[in-house]
Amino acid sequence: MDPSTFKSSPELQQLLNQEKERAMVNEVVAKLTSSCWDKCVTGTPGSKFSSSEYNCLSHCAKRYMEMSMLIMKRVQ
């Protein structure tokens, strides 16, 4: 089979785009986790987060996602 057939295949292009999106989501989640963890979890974590850690993580993740969406809208 001719390799150029794969390059022009709409199904392959759709699969590649989905994989790129998945990689971008994974990168955002990793950055969010690292950033919020460093900011909110100050000691050695136990089996549960304290209420202040939980609130901090929740607010941090929300702010991070809001800013990511704002930046994406402005770039587009």
C-alpha atoms as a PDB file:
ATOM      1  CA  MET A   1       0.000   0.000   0.000  1.00  0.00           C
ATOM      2  CA  ASP A   2       1.233   3.487  -0.890  1.00  0.00           C
ATOM      3  CA  PRO A   3       2.301   5.539   2.217  1.00  0.00           C
ATOM      4  CA  SER A   4       0.860   8.719   0.678  1.00  0.00           C
ATOM      5  CA  THR A   5      -2.583   7.123   1.000  1.00  0.00           C
ATOM      6  CA  PHE A   6      -2.233   7.273   4.787  1.00  0.00           C
ATOM      7  CA  LYS A   7      -1.371  10.972   4.774  1.00  0.00           C
ATOM      8  CA  SER A   8      -4.526  11.915   2.918  1.00  0.00           C
ATOM      9  CA  SER A   9      -6.836   9.578   4.797  1.00  0.00           C
ATOM     10  CA  PRO A  10      -9.525  11.621   6.617  1.00  0.00           C
ATOM     11  CA  GLU A  11      -9.824   8.903   9.251  1.00  0.00           C
ATOM     12  CA  LEU A  12      -6.109   9.021   9.948  1.00  0.00           C
ATOM     13  CA  GLN A  13      -6.150  12.821  10.158  1.00  0.00           C
ATOM     14  CA  GLN A  14      -9.064  12.657  12.600  1.00  0.00           C
ATOM     15  CA  LEU A  15      -7.210  10.088  14.714  1.00  0.00           C
ATOM     16  CA  LEU A  16      -4.059  12.247  14.732  1.00  0.00           C
ATOM     17  CA  ASN A  17      -6.060  15.313  15.761  1.00  0.00           C
ATOM     18  CA  GLN A  18      -7.712  13.366  18.578  1.00  0.00           C
ATOM     19  CA  GLU A  19      -4.323  12.160  19.811  1.00  0.00           C
ATOM     20  CA  LYS A  20      -2.940  15.718  19.729  1.00  0.00           C
ATOM     21  CA  GLU A  21      -5.924  16.940  21.753  1.00  0.00           C
ATOM     22  CA  ARG A  22      -5.489  14.102  24.225  1.00  0.00           C
ATOM     23  CA  ALA A  23      -1.801  14.968  24.644  1.00  0.00           C
ATOM     24  CA  MET A  24      -2.661  18.633  25.225  1.00  0.00           C
ATOM     25  CA  VAL A  25      -5.245  17.709  27.875  1.00  0.00           C
ATOM     26  CA  ASN A  26      -2.732  15.446  29.605  1.00  0.00           C
ATOM     27  CA  GLU A  27      -0.177  18.270  29.610  1.00  0.00           C
ATOM     28  CA  VAL A  28      -2.669  20.735  31.107  1.00  0.00           C
ATOM     29  CA  VAL A  29      -3.676  18.248  33.798  1.00  0.00           C
ATOM     30  CA  ALA A  30      -0.028  17.581  34.677  1.00  0.00           C
ATOM     31  CA  LYS A  31       0.736  21.305  34.950  1.00  0.00           C
ATOM     32  CA  LEU A  32      -2.411  21.937  36.995  1.00  0.00           C
ATOM     33  CA  THR A  33      -1.627  19.059  39.337  1.00  0.00           C
ATOM     34  CA  SER A  34       1.951  20.158  39.863  1.00  0.00           C
ATOM     35  CA  SER A  35       1.142  23.824  40.324  1.00  0.00           C
ATOM     36  CA  CYS A  36      -1.796  23.360  42.673  1.00  0.00           C
ATOM     37  CA  TRP A  37      -0.124  20.575  44.642  1.00  0.00           C
ATOM     38  CA  ASP A  38       2.948  22.708  45.318  1.00  0.00           C
ATOM     39  CA  LYS A  39       0.785  25.654  46.359  1.00  0.00           C
ATOM     40  CA  CYS A  40      -1.815  23.866  48.481  1.00  0.00           C
ATOM     41  CA  VAL A  41      -0.255  20.767  50.044  1.00  0.00           C
ATOM     42  CA  THR A  42       2.314  22.070  52.473  1.00  0.00           C
ATOM     43  CA  GLY A  43       3.058  19.026  54.571  1.00  0.00           C
ATOM     44  CA  THR A  44       3.193  15.297  54.123  1.00  0.00           C
ATOM     45  CA  PRO A  45      -0.205  14.208  52.820  1.00  0.00           C
ATOM     46  CA  GLY A  46      -2.197  11.786  54.906  1.00  0.00           C
ATOM     47  CA  SER A  47      -5.020   9.529  53.808  1.00  0.00           C
ATOM     48  CA  LYS A  48      -7.262  12.591  53.322  1.00  0.00           C
ATOM     49  CA  PHE A  49      -6.738  16.257  52.536  1.00  0.00           C
ATOM     50  CA  SER A  50      -7.461  18.755  55.277  1.00  0.00           C
ATOM     51  CA  SER A  51     -10.386  21.081  54.610  1.00  0.00           C
ATOM     52  CA  SER A  52      -8.015  23.961  53.865  1.00  0.00           C
ATOM     53  CA  GLU A  53      -6.007  21.811  51.426  1.00  0.00           C
ATOM     54  CA  TYR A  54      -9.206  20.621  49.762  1.00  0.00           C
ATOM     55  CA  ASN A  55     -10.534  24.184  49.385  1.00  0.00           C
ATOM     56  CA  CYS A  56      -7.188  25.449  48.116  1.00  0.00           C
ATOM     57  CA  LEU A  57      -6.901  22.636  45.545  1.00  0.00           C
ATOM     58  CA  SER A  58     -10.460  23.194  44.391  1.00  0.00           C
ATOM     59  CA  HIS A  59     -10.032  26.956  43.971  1.00  0.00           C
ATOM     60  CA  CYS A  60      -6.614  26.575  42.380  1.00  0.00           C
ATOM     61  CA  ALA A  61      -7.878  24.085  39.801  1.00  0.00           C
ATOM     62  CA  LYS A  62     -10.871  26.280  39.006  1.00  0.00           C
ATOM     63  CA  ARG A  63      -8.702  29.378  38.538  1.00  0.00           C
ATOM     64  CA  TYR A  64      -6.189  27.453  36.445  1.00  0.00           C
ATOM     65  CA  MET A  65      -8.898  26.149  34.127  1.00  0.00           C
ATOM     66  CA  GLU A  66     -10.556  29.570  33.831  1.00  0.00           C
ATOM     67  CA  MET A  67      -7.250  31.197  32.914  1.00  0.00           C
ATOM     68  CA  SER A  68      -6.405  28.424  30.438  1.00  0.00           C
ATOM     69  CA  MET A  69      -9.760  28.915  28.705  1.00  0.00           C
ATOM     70  CA  LEU A  70      -9.300  32.697  28.641  1.00  0.00           C
ATOM     71  CA  ILE A  71      -5.845  32.363  27.107  1.00  0.00           C
ATOM     72  CA  MET A  72      -7.065  29.863  24.522  1.00  0.00           C
ATOM     73  CA  LYS A  73      -9.916  32.191  23.496  1.00  0.00           C
ATOM     74  CA  ARG A  74      -7.549  35.129  23.111  1.00  0.00           C
ATOM     75  CA  VAL A  75      -5.069  33.117  21.069  1.00  0.00           C
ATOM     76  CA  GLN A  76      -7.781  31.985  18.690  1.00  0.00           C
END
